[in-house]
Amino acid sequence: MSYKNTVVCQHLHKSFADQPVIGNVSFGIQRGDILALLGPSGCGKTTTLRLIAGFETLDSGRIEIDGRIVAEDNFSLPPEKRRVGMVFQDYAIFPHLSVAKNVAFGLGRGPQVDERTATMLHMVGLANQGARMPHELSGGQQQRVALARALALDPAVVLLDEPFSNLDTALRQQVRREVKSLLKQNGATAVFVTHDQEEALFLGDQIAVMNDGLIEQLGTPEEVFQRPRTRFVAEFMGKTDFVPGVVNEQTIESTLGRLPLPQMALPSGTVVSIAVRPDDVALQAAEGVEMGNGRIISRQFTGIAYIYQVRLDDDSLIHSWQPHTLNLPPGTAVQATIRPDHTITAFHGQQAIWGQQASRA
């Protein structure tokens, strides 16, 4: 891990009542990057965030922020000395203080406070709202107040805990665009916790997928989505189905066709699982005596597309995204194949054996 990292976490461990919650978690965040801690409830992502913030103490490990050790084994700096800005899930805006006084909270006293507050309000698009009370603001505006307060102290890192969970779907999309833009404009390093993979893909320069207190995979959104290292990551990142296959020399034989085997020594006859997402699967209605390899079970119309559920001859259920111009009613016999320009991942047990573009053989 290099000096370019604003946050460095090494071998973090944390237990509550002798129950391990975080086990050997390590990562670094480059200056100006946004890291998404992604995973299901109870995976340890919020505890990891609270360890960085100083709201929880380490059992063992080490945390550095901006080149300074803030926690190591029995040593722990308090949150106010760590140069962290925190945006809580419920925003934690003081209801009895005006917008301006909320943003100024923690800045102390002096003529520079009003100037700094005005600058932050202008930055988040609330330049004329300083005198208003929090209850007079929309949810999106309250979110911006919370972010302005976090950035006002010029923190080394901004920590955001499920920051969009209290917003409705349409507002959530708008606010997350605004938050990303504001963080990038400020060159801020940030860590945000979410269970929503769409949010993680949109906001994160890096994504750490967590499960049972461990990081299963850390990488760019494209790496994590397109090349999952474990079956858990493949299942968590998007709608993923699995189709059985059997190794046969240099290929994997499956109901969906013959796929090239990656350069991994697996003997013939080894059973693997092939991960397929709806956009990987091409469908064509079976014609004449050709009965295809599956049958449409159901379909969902989304406006611009149909999502088809198909039961294959091996009894696997898969989904296929098709344009609205392909209208196949339930019961239709189809030929399902992997799109030739898509790269497929197969799994031997829980570990990935990365594939190549699908073969037409």
Protein backbone atom coordinates (compact mmCIF):
# COMPACT_ATOMS: atom_id res chain seq x y z
CA MET A 1 0.00 0.00 0.00
CA SER A 2 1.51 3.28 -1.11
CA TYR A 3 1.70 6.84 0.20
CA LYS A 4 -1.04 7.73 -2.27
CA ASN A 5 -3.58 6.03 -0.03
CA THR A 6 -5.57 8.37 2.19
CA VAL A 7 -6.98 5.48 4.21
CA VAL A 8 -5.11 2.25 4.95
CA CYS A 9 -6.73 -0.60 6.87
CA GLN A 10 -4.57 -3.60 7.72
CA HIS A 11 -5.75 -6.89 9.21
CA LEU A 12 -8.74 -5.46 11.04
CA HIS A 13 -10.46 -7.73 13.58
CA LYS A 14 -13.52 -6.93 15.65
CA SER A 15 -15.81 -9.09 17.79
CA PHE A 16 -18.87 -8.33 19.89
CA ALA A 17 -19.56 -10.61 22.85
CA ASP A 18 -16.98 -13.07 21.50
CA GLN A 19 -18.82 -13.18 18.17
CA PRO A 20 -16.46 -12.27 15.29
CA VAL A 21 -17.89 -9.48 13.12
CA ILE A 22 -14.77 -8.41 11.17
CA GLY A 23 -11.99 -10.84 10.38
CA ASN A 24 -8.67 -9.87 8.78
CA VAL A 25 -10.01 -7.03 6.61
CA SER A 26 -7.38 -5.08 4.66
CA PHE A 27 -7.66 -2.41 1.96
CA GLY A 28 -6.36 0.99 0.92
CA ILE A 29 -8.17 3.95 -0.63
CA GLN A 30 -6.33 6.25 -2.98
CA ARG A 31 -6.64 10.00 -2.53
CA GLY A 32 -9.77 11.31 -4.25
CA ASP A 33 -11.32 7.85 -4.74
CA ILE A 34 -14.71 6.64 -3.54
CA LEU A 35 -14.81 3.14 -2.03
CA ALA A 36 -18.14 1.35 -1.78
CA LEU A 37 -18.44 -1.20 1.02
CA LEU A 38 -21.13 -3.48 -0.39
CA GLY A 39 -22.83 -6.49 1.09
CA PRO A 40 -25.94 -7.92 2.78
CA SER A 41 -27.11 -7.00 6.25
CA GLY A 42 -24.80 -8.33 8.94
CA CYS A 43 -21.76 -8.72 6.67
CA GLY A 44 -19.64 -6.23 8.67
CA LYS A 45 -19.63 -3.23 6.34
CA THR A 46 -21.08 -0.74 8.85
CA THR A 47 -18.77 -2.00 11.59
CA THR A 48 -15.82 -1.43 9.25
CA LEU A 49 -17.01 2.14 8.66
CA ARG A 50 -17.41 2.74 12.40
CA LEU A 51 -13.90 1.41 13.04
CA ILE A 52 -12.50 3.95 10.57
CA ALA A 53 -14.57 6.71 12.17
CA GLY A 54 -13.45 5.77 15.67
CA PHE A 55 -16.94 4.92 16.95
CA GLU A 56 -15.75 1.35 17.59
CA THR A 57 -12.34 0.19 18.82
CA LEU A 58 -10.23 -2.46 17.13
CA ASP A 59 -9.51 -5.83 18.68
CA SER A 60 -6.40 -5.93 16.51
CA GLY A 61 -5.11 -4.43 13.31
CA ARG A 62 -4.15 -0.96 12.15
CA ILE A 63 -5.85 2.04 10.58
CA GLU A 64 -4.03 4.98 9.00
CA ILE A 65 -5.69 8.18 7.81
CA ASP A 66 -3.69 10.66 5.75
CA GLY A 67 -0.41 9.04 6.76
CA ARG A 68 -1.13 9.01 10.50
CA ILE A 69 -1.92 5.96 12.62
CA VAL A 70 -5.33 6.53 14.24
CA ALA A 71 -5.90 3.02 15.61
CA GLU A 72 -3.61 0.10 16.34
CA ASP A 73 -4.37 -2.73 18.75
CA ASN A 74 -5.03 -0.95 22.09
CA PHE A 75 -4.40 2.58 20.76
CA SER A 76 -7.32 4.59 19.36
CA LEU A 77 -7.69 8.29 18.59
CA PRO A 78 -11.16 9.73 19.28
CA PRO A 79 -13.34 10.51 16.23
CA GLU A 80 -12.85 14.28 16.48
CA LYS A 81 -9.07 13.89 16.08
CA ARG A 82 -9.17 11.61 13.03
CA ARG A 83 -10.05 14.18 10.33
CA VAL A 84 -13.15 12.27 9.27
CA GLY A 85 -16.46 13.72 8.12
CA MET A 86 -19.54 11.59 8.77
CA VAL A 87 -22.86 11.49 6.92
CA PHE A 88 -25.25 9.32 8.89
CA GLN A 89 -28.14 7.24 7.57
CA ASP A 90 -30.68 9.56 9.23
CA TYR A 91 -28.49 12.64 8.44
CA ALA A 92 -28.31 13.53 12.20
CA ILE A 93 -29.22 17.14 11.45
CA PHE A 94 -29.99 19.17 14.57
CA PRO A 95 -33.70 20.06 14.33
CA HIS A 96 -33.40 23.15 16.57
CA LEU A 97 -30.60 24.73 14.50
CA SER A 98 -30.91 26.54 11.19
CA VAL A 99 -29.36 25.14 8.04
CA ALA A 100 -26.42 27.52 8.34
CA LYS A 101 -25.82 26.67 12.00
CA ASN A 102 -25.96 22.95 11.19
CA VAL A 103 -23.25 23.40 8.55
CA ALA A 104 -21.18 25.56 10.89
CA PHE A 105 -21.41 23.09 13.77
CA GLY A 106 -17.89 22.09 14.76
CA LEU A 107 -16.15 25.00 13.02
CA GLY A 108 -15.73 26.95 16.24
CA ARG A 109 -15.95 30.72 16.32
CA GLY A 110 -14.49 33.57 14.30
CA PRO A 111 -15.13 35.59 11.14
CA GLN A 112 -13.94 32.74 8.93
CA VAL A 113 -16.82 30.55 10.10
CA ASP A 114 -19.51 32.57 8.29
CA GLU A 115 -17.39 32.65 5.14
CA ARG A 116 -16.76 28.91 5.25
CA THR A 117 -20.46 28.20 5.90
CA ALA A 118 -21.54 30.39 2.98
CA THR A 119 -19.02 28.66 0.72
CA MET A 120 -20.30 25.21 1.65
CA LEU A 121 -23.96 26.18 1.22
CA HIS A 122 -23.19 27.60 -2.20
CA MET A 123 -21.30 24.45 -3.14
CA VAL A 124 -24.30 22.21 -2.36
CA GLY A 125 -26.81 24.52 -4.05
CA LEU A 126 -28.36 25.91 -0.86
CA ALA A 127 -26.88 29.42 -0.96
CA ASN A 128 -30.18 31.11 -0.09
CA GLN A 129 -31.41 28.52 2.41
CA GLY A 130 -29.16 29.20 5.42
CA ALA A 131 -31.89 30.71 7.59
CA ARG A 132 -34.37 27.89 7.04
CA MET A 133 -35.00 25.13 9.58
CA PRO A 134 -34.40 21.46 8.74
CA HIS A 135 -38.10 20.54 8.80
CA GLU A 136 -38.68 23.04 5.98
CA LEU A 137 -36.35 21.14 3.64
CA SER A 138 -36.95 18.17 1.36
CA GLY A 139 -35.16 14.89 1.97
CA GLY A 140 -32.69 15.64 -0.82
CA GLN A 141 -31.93 19.08 0.63
CA GLN A 142 -31.38 17.60 4.09
CA GLN A 143 -28.94 15.16 2.54
CA ARG A 144 -27.00 18.06 1.03
CA VAL A 145 -26.91 19.86 4.39
CA ALA A 146 -25.43 16.74 5.99
CA LEU A 147 -22.81 16.50 3.26
CA ALA A 148 -21.96 20.22 3.51
CA ARG A 149 -21.46 19.84 7.27
CA ALA A 150 -19.19 16.83 6.73
CA LEU A 151 -17.09 18.65 4.11
CA ALA A 152 -16.93 21.95 6.03
CA LEU A 153 -14.22 20.61 8.36
CA ASP A 154 -11.97 19.73 5.38
CA PRO A 155 -11.77 16.06 6.38
CA ALA A 156 -9.19 13.65 5.03
CA VAL A 157 -12.01 11.18 4.37
CA VAL A 158 -15.81 11.40 4.22
CA LEU A 159 -17.73 8.41 5.59
CA LEU A 160 -21.31 7.82 4.44
CA ASP A 161 -23.51 5.18 6.07
CA GLU A 162 -26.38 4.05 3.77
CA PRO A 163 -26.79 7.72 2.77
CA PHE A 164 -29.72 7.30 0.39
CA SER A 165 -31.85 4.69 2.16
CA ASN A 166 -34.41 7.23 3.44
CA LEU A 167 -35.15 8.64 -0.03
CA ASP A 168 -37.72 7.42 -2.53
CA THR A 169 -36.46 5.79 -5.73
CA ALA A 170 -36.63 8.81 -8.05
CA LEU A 171 -35.07 11.18 -5.50
CA ARG A 172 -32.42 8.63 -4.60
CA GLN A 173 -31.14 8.56 -8.17
CA GLN A 174 -31.00 12.35 -8.34
CA VAL A 175 -29.31 12.80 -4.96
CA ARG A 176 -26.64 10.16 -5.53
CA ARG A 177 -25.69 11.93 -8.78
CA GLU A 178 -25.41 15.19 -6.85
CA VAL A 179 -23.40 13.61 -4.03
CA LYS A 180 -20.93 11.98 -6.43
CA SER A 181 -20.51 15.26 -8.30
CA LEU A 182 -19.89 17.17 -5.06
CA LEU A 183 -17.38 14.64 -3.76
CA LYS A 184 -15.48 14.68 -7.05
CA GLN A 185 -15.54 18.49 -7.28
CA ASN A 186 -13.94 18.63 -3.84
CA GLY A 187 -11.42 15.90 -4.59
CA ALA A 188 -12.73 14.13 -1.50
CA THR A 189 -11.73 10.64 -0.49
CA ALA A 190 -14.85 8.79 0.62
CA VAL A 191 -16.12 5.48 1.95
CA PHE A 192 -19.80 4.70 1.72
CA VAL A 193 -21.76 1.72 2.94
CA THR A 194 -24.61 0.26 0.89
CA HIS A 195 -26.45 -2.99 0.30
CA ASP A 196 -27.59 -1.74 -3.14
CA GLN A 197 -25.32 -3.02 -5.91
CA GLU A 198 -26.65 -0.43 -8.39
CA GLU A 199 -25.55 2.37 -6.04
CA ALA A 200 -22.15 0.76 -5.58
CA LEU A 201 -21.63 0.42 -9.33
CA PHE A 202 -22.62 4.06 -9.90
CA LEU A 203 -20.69 5.72 -7.07
CA GLY A 204 -17.69 3.55 -6.37
CA ASP A 205 -14.29 3.93 -8.00
CA GLN A 206 -13.60 0.71 -6.11
CA ILE A 207 -16.05 -1.79 -4.66
CA ALA A 208 -15.33 -4.08 -1.71
CA VAL A 209 -17.90 -6.89 -1.58
CA MET A 210 -18.19 -8.15 2.00
CA ASN A 211 -19.61 -11.39 3.36
CA ASP A 212 -19.44 -12.79 6.90
CA GLY A 213 -16.91 -10.18 8.03
CA LEU A 214 -14.53 -10.72 5.11
CA ILE A 215 -13.87 -8.95 1.82
CA GLU A 216 -14.68 -11.48 -0.88
CA GLN A 217 -13.49 -9.21 -3.69
CA LEU A 218 -12.06 -5.71 -4.09
CA GLY A 219 -11.78 -4.04 -7.48
CA THR A 220 -13.26 -1.61 -9.96
CA PRO A 221 -17.00 -1.87 -10.66
CA GLU A 222 -16.23 -3.48 -14.02
CA GLU A 223 -13.86 -6.05 -12.50
CA VAL A 224 -16.23 -7.03 -9.70
CA PHE A 225 -19.28 -7.28 -11.96
CA GLN A 226 -17.70 -8.92 -15.00
CA ARG A 227 -15.11 -11.12 -13.27
CA PRO A 228 -16.50 -12.27 -9.91
CA ARG A 229 -13.97 -14.30 -7.97
CA THR A 230 -16.46 -16.24 -5.88
CA ARG A 231 -19.93 -17.60 -6.37
CA PHE A 232 -21.19 -15.28 -3.62
CA VAL A 233 -19.99 -12.20 -5.52
CA ALA A 234 -21.58 -13.48 -8.74
CA GLU A 235 -24.89 -14.01 -6.95
CA PHE A 236 -24.82 -10.67 -5.16
CA MET A 237 -23.83 -8.56 -8.15
CA GLY A 238 -26.93 -8.55 -10.31
CA LYS A 239 -29.46 -11.20 -11.20
CA THR A 240 -27.36 -14.32 -11.76
CA ASP A 241 -28.50 -17.81 -12.65
CA PHE A 242 -26.36 -20.95 -12.64
CA VAL A 243 -26.34 -23.75 -15.19
CA PRO A 244 -24.47 -27.03 -14.63
CA GLY A 245 -21.65 -28.00 -16.96
CA VAL A 246 -19.16 -30.83 -17.29
CA VAL A 247 -15.51 -30.50 -18.29
CA ASN A 248 -14.70 -32.37 -21.50
CA GLU A 249 -11.02 -31.90 -22.41
CA GLN A 250 -10.69 -28.20 -23.36
CA THR A 251 -14.40 -27.35 -23.20
CA ILE A 252 -17.33 -27.22 -20.81
CA GLU A 253 -20.37 -29.08 -22.09
CA SER A 254 -23.73 -27.62 -21.05
CA THR A 255 -27.33 -27.31 -22.14
CA LEU A 256 -26.46 -23.83 -23.42
CA GLY A 257 -23.76 -25.21 -25.71
CA ARG A 258 -20.06 -25.87 -25.62
CA LEU A 259 -17.98 -23.25 -23.85
CA PRO A 260 -14.18 -22.93 -23.87
CA LEU A 261 -12.48 -24.09 -20.68
CA PRO A 262 -10.11 -21.55 -19.11
CA GLN A 263 -6.47 -22.48 -18.72
CA MET A 264 -6.99 -24.41 -15.52
CA ALA A 265 -6.15 -28.04 -14.89
CA LEU A 266 -9.53 -29.68 -14.34
CA PRO A 267 -9.91 -33.34 -15.34
CA SER A 268 -12.61 -34.43 -17.75
CA GLY A 269 -15.84 -35.21 -15.97
CA THR A 270 -15.46 -32.39 -13.41
CA VAL A 271 -18.80 -30.74 -12.68
CA VAL A 272 -18.84 -26.93 -12.73
CA SER A 273 -21.48 -24.20 -12.51
CA ILE A 274 -21.79 -21.59 -15.25
CA ALA A 275 -22.95 -18.11 -14.16
CA VAL A 276 -25.30 -16.43 -16.63
CA ARG A 277 -27.04 -13.08 -16.38
CA PRO A 278 -30.11 -12.04 -18.39
CA ASP A 279 -28.08 -10.03 -20.91
CA ASP A 280 -25.82 -13.05 -21.60
CA VAL A 281 -28.63 -15.21 -22.99
CA ALA A 282 -29.86 -15.06 -26.57
CA LEU A 283 -33.25 -16.61 -27.40
CA GLN A 284 -34.71 -17.84 -30.65
CA ALA A 285 -38.06 -19.54 -31.16
CA ALA A 286 -37.60 -23.22 -32.05
CA GLU A 287 -38.87 -24.04 -35.54
CA GLY A 288 -40.22 -27.20 -37.17
CA VAL A 289 -38.91 -30.42 -35.70
CA GLU A 290 -36.24 -28.48 -33.85
CA MET A 291 -37.65 -28.24 -30.34
CA GLY A 292 -34.80 -26.18 -28.90
CA ASN A 293 -33.33 -26.63 -25.43
CA GLY A 294 -35.85 -24.81 -23.27
CA ARG A 295 -39.33 -23.38 -22.89
CA ILE A 296 -40.64 -19.96 -21.85
CA ILE A 297 -42.13 -20.16 -18.36
CA SER A 298 -43.04 -16.50 -17.89
CA ARG A 299 -42.19 -13.03 -19.08
CA GLN A 300 -42.11 -9.56 -17.55
CA PHE A 301 -42.67 -6.47 -19.69
CA THR A 302 -40.46 -3.56 -18.58
CA GLY A 303 -41.34 -1.10 -21.36
CA ILE A 304 -38.17 -1.24 -23.43
CA ALA A 305 -37.65 -4.98 -22.95
CA TYR A 306 -39.03 -8.32 -21.90
CA ILE A 307 -37.40 -10.37 -19.14
CA TYR A 308 -38.08 -13.99 -19.99
CA GLN A 309 -37.87 -16.88 -17.54
CA VAL A 310 -36.81 -20.04 -19.32
CA ARG A 311 -36.69 -23.62 -18.05
CA LEU A 312 -33.91 -25.52 -19.80
CA ASP A 313 -33.89 -29.20 -20.66
CA ASP A 314 -31.60 -29.86 -17.66
CA ASP A 315 -34.31 -28.29 -15.43
CA SER A 316 -32.27 -25.12 -14.79
CA LEU A 317 -34.13 -21.81 -14.62
CA ILE A 318 -32.50 -18.87 -16.37
CA HIS A 319 -33.56 -15.34 -17.33
CA SER A 320 -33.06 -13.58 -20.63
CA TRP A 321 -33.28 -9.87 -21.45
CA GLN A 322 -34.73 -9.31 -24.91
CA PRO A 323 -35.89 -6.18 -26.78
CA HIS A 324 -39.62 -5.53 -26.77
CA THR A 325 -39.70 -6.42 -30.47
CA LEU A 326 -39.12 -10.12 -29.62
CA ASN A 327 -42.54 -11.26 -28.45
CA LEU A 328 -42.48 -14.87 -27.23
CA PRO A 329 -45.56 -16.00 -25.25
CA PRO A 330 -45.23 -18.40 -22.30
CA GLY A 331 -45.03 -22.00 -23.45
CA THR A 332 -42.93 -21.22 -26.53
CA ALA A 333 -40.13 -23.69 -27.21
CA VAL A 334 -36.86 -21.80 -27.63
CA GLN A 335 -33.18 -22.28 -28.35
CA ALA A 336 -31.19 -20.51 -25.62
CA THR A 337 -27.51 -19.78 -26.21
CA ILE A 338 -24.78 -17.59 -24.75
CA ARG A 339 -24.21 -14.46 -26.82
CA PRO A 340 -20.95 -14.99 -28.71
CA ASP A 341 -19.45 -11.65 -27.62
CA HIS A 342 -20.02 -12.27 -23.89
CA THR A 343 -17.43 -13.63 -21.48
CA ILE A 344 -18.75 -16.27 -19.11
CA THR A 345 -17.53 -17.20 -15.64
CA ALA A 346 -17.70 -20.78 -14.40
CA PHE A 347 -17.27 -21.95 -10.82
CA HIS A 348 -15.66 -25.06 -9.39
CA GLY A 349 -17.15 -25.13 -5.92
CA GLN A 350 -17.18 -21.53 -4.68
CA GLN A 351 -14.17 -20.32 -6.68
CA ALA A 352 -14.23 -18.86 -10.17
CA ILE A 353 -12.55 -20.32 -13.23
CA TRP A 354 -12.82 -17.45 -15.66
CA GLY A 355 -13.98 -18.27 -19.13
CA GLN A 356 -13.66 -16.75 -22.55
CA GLN A 357 -16.13 -15.55 -25.13
CA ALA A 358 -18.71 -18.19 -25.87
CA SER A 359 -18.08 -20.64 -28.69
CA ARG A 360 -20.60 -21.43 -31.37
CA ALA A 361 -19.39 -25.03 -31.50
